Amino acid sequence: MPLADLDEAERQAVLECLQCVAAGFVIQHDSEFQTIMGVEVSVVKSVVAAWPNVDDSDDVVRLVINNSMNNLLGYPHGKHQGWERYNRVPLSEVARIFEKWRGDTVPRP
């Protein structure tokens, strides 16, 4: 499902996940970032800067959204406890929106 099919609150939640990753709050900006995310930090930041004028049919934008949300939900970053310090959207809601956007089931923390 494209971003255009999400409602405004859901698109805002996606943006907040991208902002969280771009800021390095949960996924550290270290030598492993590109391995974990599949892109450099600068690419994530460029998608955030372009928001809302992003097209998730673009492979890079889709990769940034997918890997940001997937790693916030499933990567063992040790930040699931106290999540509310990093993002206003509860993890359960992030998982629901991610499933809706992808059109399938995703891992739940």
C-alpha atoms as a PDB file:
ATOM      1  CA  MET A   1       0.000   0.000   0.000  1.00  0.00           C
ATOM      2  CA  PRO A   2       1.505   3.344  -0.920  1.00  0.00           C
ATOM      3  CA  LEU A   3       1.920   6.191   1.526  1.00  0.00           C
ATOM      4  CA  ALA A   4      -0.902   7.966  -0.285  1.00  0.00           C
ATOM      5  CA  ASP A   5      -3.284   5.287   1.009  1.00  0.00           C
ATOM      6  CA  LEU A   6      -2.324   5.912   4.641  1.00  0.00           C
ATOM      7  CA  ASP A   7      -4.216   8.569   6.543  1.00  0.00           C
ATOM      8  CA  GLU A   8      -2.484  11.730   7.728  1.00  0.00           C
ATOM      9  CA  ALA A   9      -1.826  10.398  11.255  1.00  0.00           C
ATOM     10  CA  GLU A  10      -0.309   7.218   9.818  1.00  0.00           C
ATOM     11  CA  ARG A  11       1.930   9.177   7.436  1.00  0.00           C
ATOM     12  CA  GLN A  12       3.009  11.344  10.382  1.00  0.00           C
ATOM     13  CA  ALA A  13       3.901   8.184  12.318  1.00  0.00           C
ATOM     14  CA  VAL A  14       6.048   6.995   9.398  1.00  0.00           C
ATOM     15  CA  LEU A  15       7.786  10.364   9.340  1.00  0.00           C
ATOM     16  CA  GLU A  16       8.437  10.209  13.088  1.00  0.00           C
ATOM     17  CA  CYS A  17      10.065   6.797  12.641  1.00  0.00           C
ATOM     18  CA  LEU A  18      12.296   8.188   9.900  1.00  0.00           C
ATOM     19  CA  GLN A  19      13.156  11.200  12.055  1.00  0.00           C
ATOM     20  CA  CYS A  20      14.033   8.883  14.940  1.00  0.00           C
ATOM     21  CA  VAL A  21      16.428   6.916  12.733  1.00  0.00           C
ATOM     22  CA  ALA A  22      17.854  10.077  11.140  1.00  0.00           C
ATOM     23  CA  ALA A  23      18.573  11.496  14.599  1.00  0.00           C
ATOM     24  CA  GLY A  24      20.383   8.366  15.773  1.00  0.00           C
ATOM     25  CA  PHE A  25      18.168   7.983  18.833  1.00  0.00           C
ATOM     26  CA  VAL A  26      17.678   4.226  18.448  1.00  0.00           C
ATOM     27  CA  ILE A  27      19.789   3.032  15.507  1.00  0.00           C
ATOM     28  CA  GLN A  28      23.270   4.358  16.185  1.00  0.00           C
ATOM     29  CA  HIS A  29      25.106   6.283  13.476  1.00  0.00           C
ATOM     30  CA  ASP A  30      28.168   4.096  13.610  1.00  0.00           C
ATOM     31  CA  SER A  31      30.178   1.956  11.203  1.00  0.00           C
ATOM     32  CA  GLU A  32      27.382  -0.638  11.115  1.00  0.00           C
ATOM     33  CA  PHE A  33      24.592   1.770  10.148  1.00  0.00           C
ATOM     34  CA  GLN A  34      24.825   1.135   6.407  1.00  0.00           C
ATOM     35  CA  THR A  35      24.964  -2.616   6.966  1.00  0.00           C
ATOM     36  CA  ILE A  36      21.841  -2.505   9.146  1.00  0.00           C
ATOM     37  CA  MET A  37      19.900   0.039   7.118  1.00  0.00           C
ATOM     38  CA  GLY A  38      21.125  -0.592   3.577  1.00  0.00           C
ATOM     39  CA  VAL A  39      21.779   3.136   3.070  1.00  0.00           C
ATOM     40  CA  GLU A  40      23.969   5.860   4.550  1.00  0.00           C
ATOM     41  CA  VAL A  41      22.620   8.183   7.253  1.00  0.00           C
ATOM     42  CA  SER A  42      22.647  11.031   4.717  1.00  0.00           C
ATOM     43  CA  VAL A  43      20.106   9.167   2.572  1.00  0.00           C
ATOM     44  CA  VAL A  44      17.706   8.779   5.505  1.00  0.00           C
ATOM     45  CA  LYS A  45      18.157  12.469   6.312  1.00  0.00           C
ATOM     46  CA  SER A  46      17.466  13.432   2.688  1.00  0.00           C
ATOM     47  CA  VAL A  47      14.180  11.508   2.694  1.00  0.00           C
ATOM     48  CA  VAL A  48      13.181  13.231   5.948  1.00  0.00           C
ATOM     49  CA  ALA A  49      14.115  16.627   4.494  1.00  0.00           C
ATOM     50  CA  ALA A  50      12.021  15.972   1.371  1.00  0.00           C
ATOM     51  CA  TRP A  51       8.936  14.919   3.341  1.00  0.00           C
ATOM     52  CA  PRO A  52       6.036  15.069   2.429  1.00  0.00           C
ATOM     53  CA  ASN A  53       7.225  15.235  -1.171  1.00  0.00           C
ATOM     54  CA  VAL A  54       8.468  11.657  -1.286  1.00  0.00           C
ATOM     55  CA  ASP A  55       7.395   8.860  -3.576  1.00  0.00           C
ATOM     56  CA  ASP A  56       7.542   5.445  -1.960  1.00  0.00           C
ATOM     57  CA  SER A  57       7.474   3.782  -5.370  1.00  0.00           C
ATOM     58  CA  ASP A  58      11.077   5.039  -5.625  1.00  0.00           C
ATOM     59  CA  ASP A  59      13.350   2.158  -4.581  1.00  0.00           C
ATOM     60  CA  VAL A  60      15.500   4.289  -2.255  1.00  0.00           C
ATOM     61  CA  VAL A  61      12.550   5.905  -0.487  1.00  0.00           C
ATOM     62  CA  ARG A  62      10.881   2.523  -0.105  1.00  0.00           C
ATOM     63  CA  LEU A  63      14.096   1.036   1.308  1.00  0.00           C
ATOM     64  CA  VAL A  64      14.475   3.884   3.810  1.00  0.00           C
ATOM     65  CA  ILE A  65      10.886   3.553   5.037  1.00  0.00           C
ATOM     66  CA  ASN A  66      10.961  -0.242   5.134  1.00  0.00           C
ATOM     67  CA  ASN A  67      14.319  -0.569   6.864  1.00  0.00           C
ATOM     68  CA  SER A  68      13.677   2.253   9.321  1.00  0.00           C
ATOM     69  CA  MET A  69      10.401   0.826  10.545  1.00  0.00           C
ATOM     70  CA  ASN A  70      11.570  -2.781  10.393  1.00  0.00           C
ATOM     71  CA  ASN A  71      14.714  -2.070  12.409  1.00  0.00           C
ATOM     72  CA  LEU A  72      12.895   0.065  14.957  1.00  0.00           C
ATOM     73  CA  LEU A  73      10.529  -2.861  15.507  1.00  0.00           C
ATOM     74  CA  GLY A  74      12.811  -5.855  15.224  1.00  0.00           C
ATOM     75  CA  TYR A  75      16.479  -4.992  15.556  1.00  0.00           C
ATOM     76  CA  PRO A  76      17.872  -5.831  19.029  1.00  0.00           C
ATOM     77  CA  HIS A  77      18.821  -2.209  19.759  1.00  0.00           C
ATOM     78  CA  GLY A  78      17.795  -2.413  23.419  1.00  0.00           C
ATOM     79  CA  LYS A  79      15.455   0.590  23.203  1.00  0.00           C
ATOM     80  CA  HIS A  80      12.057  -1.116  23.141  1.00  0.00           C
ATOM     81  CA  GLN A  81      11.713  -0.499  26.878  1.00  0.00           C
ATOM     82  CA  GLY A  82      11.206   3.233  27.274  1.00  0.00           C
ATOM     83  CA  TRP A  83      10.268   3.617  23.608  1.00  0.00           C
ATOM     84  CA  GLU A  84       8.169   6.684  24.444  1.00  0.00           C
ATOM     85  CA  ARG A  85      11.402   8.633  25.026  1.00  0.00           C
ATOM     86  CA  TYR A  86      12.233   8.253  21.333  1.00  0.00           C
ATOM     87  CA  ASN A  87       8.904   8.371  19.548  1.00  0.00           C
ATOM     88  CA  ARG A  88       5.367   9.528  20.373  1.00  0.00           C
ATOM     89  CA  VAL A  89       3.793   6.648  18.454  1.00  0.00           C
ATOM     90  CA  PRO A  90       3.579   3.408  20.478  1.00  0.00           C
ATOM     91  CA  LEU A  91       5.445   0.435  19.041  1.00  0.00           C
ATOM     92  CA  SER A  92       2.201  -1.472  18.591  1.00  0.00           C
ATOM     93  CA  GLU A  93       0.907   1.348  16.390  1.00  0.00           C
ATOM     94  CA  VAL A  94       4.188   1.491  14.451  1.00  0.00           C
ATOM     95  CA  ALA A  95       3.803  -2.256  13.788  1.00  0.00           C
ATOM     96  CA  ARG A  96       0.189  -1.828  12.661  1.00  0.00           C
ATOM     97  CA  ILE A  97       1.063   1.005  10.278  1.00  0.00           C
ATOM     98  CA  PHE A  98       4.085  -0.885   8.967  1.00  0.00           C
ATOM     99  CA  GLU A  99       1.907  -3.930   8.275  1.00  0.00           C
ATOM    100  CA  LYS A 100      -0.668  -1.749   6.531  1.00  0.00           C
ATOM    101  CA  TRP A 101       1.971  -0.005   4.406  1.00  0.00           C
ATOM    102  CA  ARG A 102       3.703  -3.266   3.470  1.00  0.00           C
ATOM    103  CA  GLY A 103       0.490  -5.227   3.106  1.00  0.00           C
ATOM    104  CA  ASP A 104       1.718  -8.135   5.207  1.00  0.00           C
ATOM    105  CA  THR A 105       2.590  -9.239   8.729  1.00  0.00           C
ATOM    106  CA  VAL A 106       5.723  -7.857  10.369  1.00  0.00           C
ATOM    107  CA  PRO A 107       7.544  -8.884  13.564  1.00  0.00           C
ATOM    108  CA  ARG A 108       6.157  -7.385  16.744  1.00  0.00           C
ATOM    109  CA  PRO A 109       8.380  -6.346  19.644  1.00  0.00           C
END
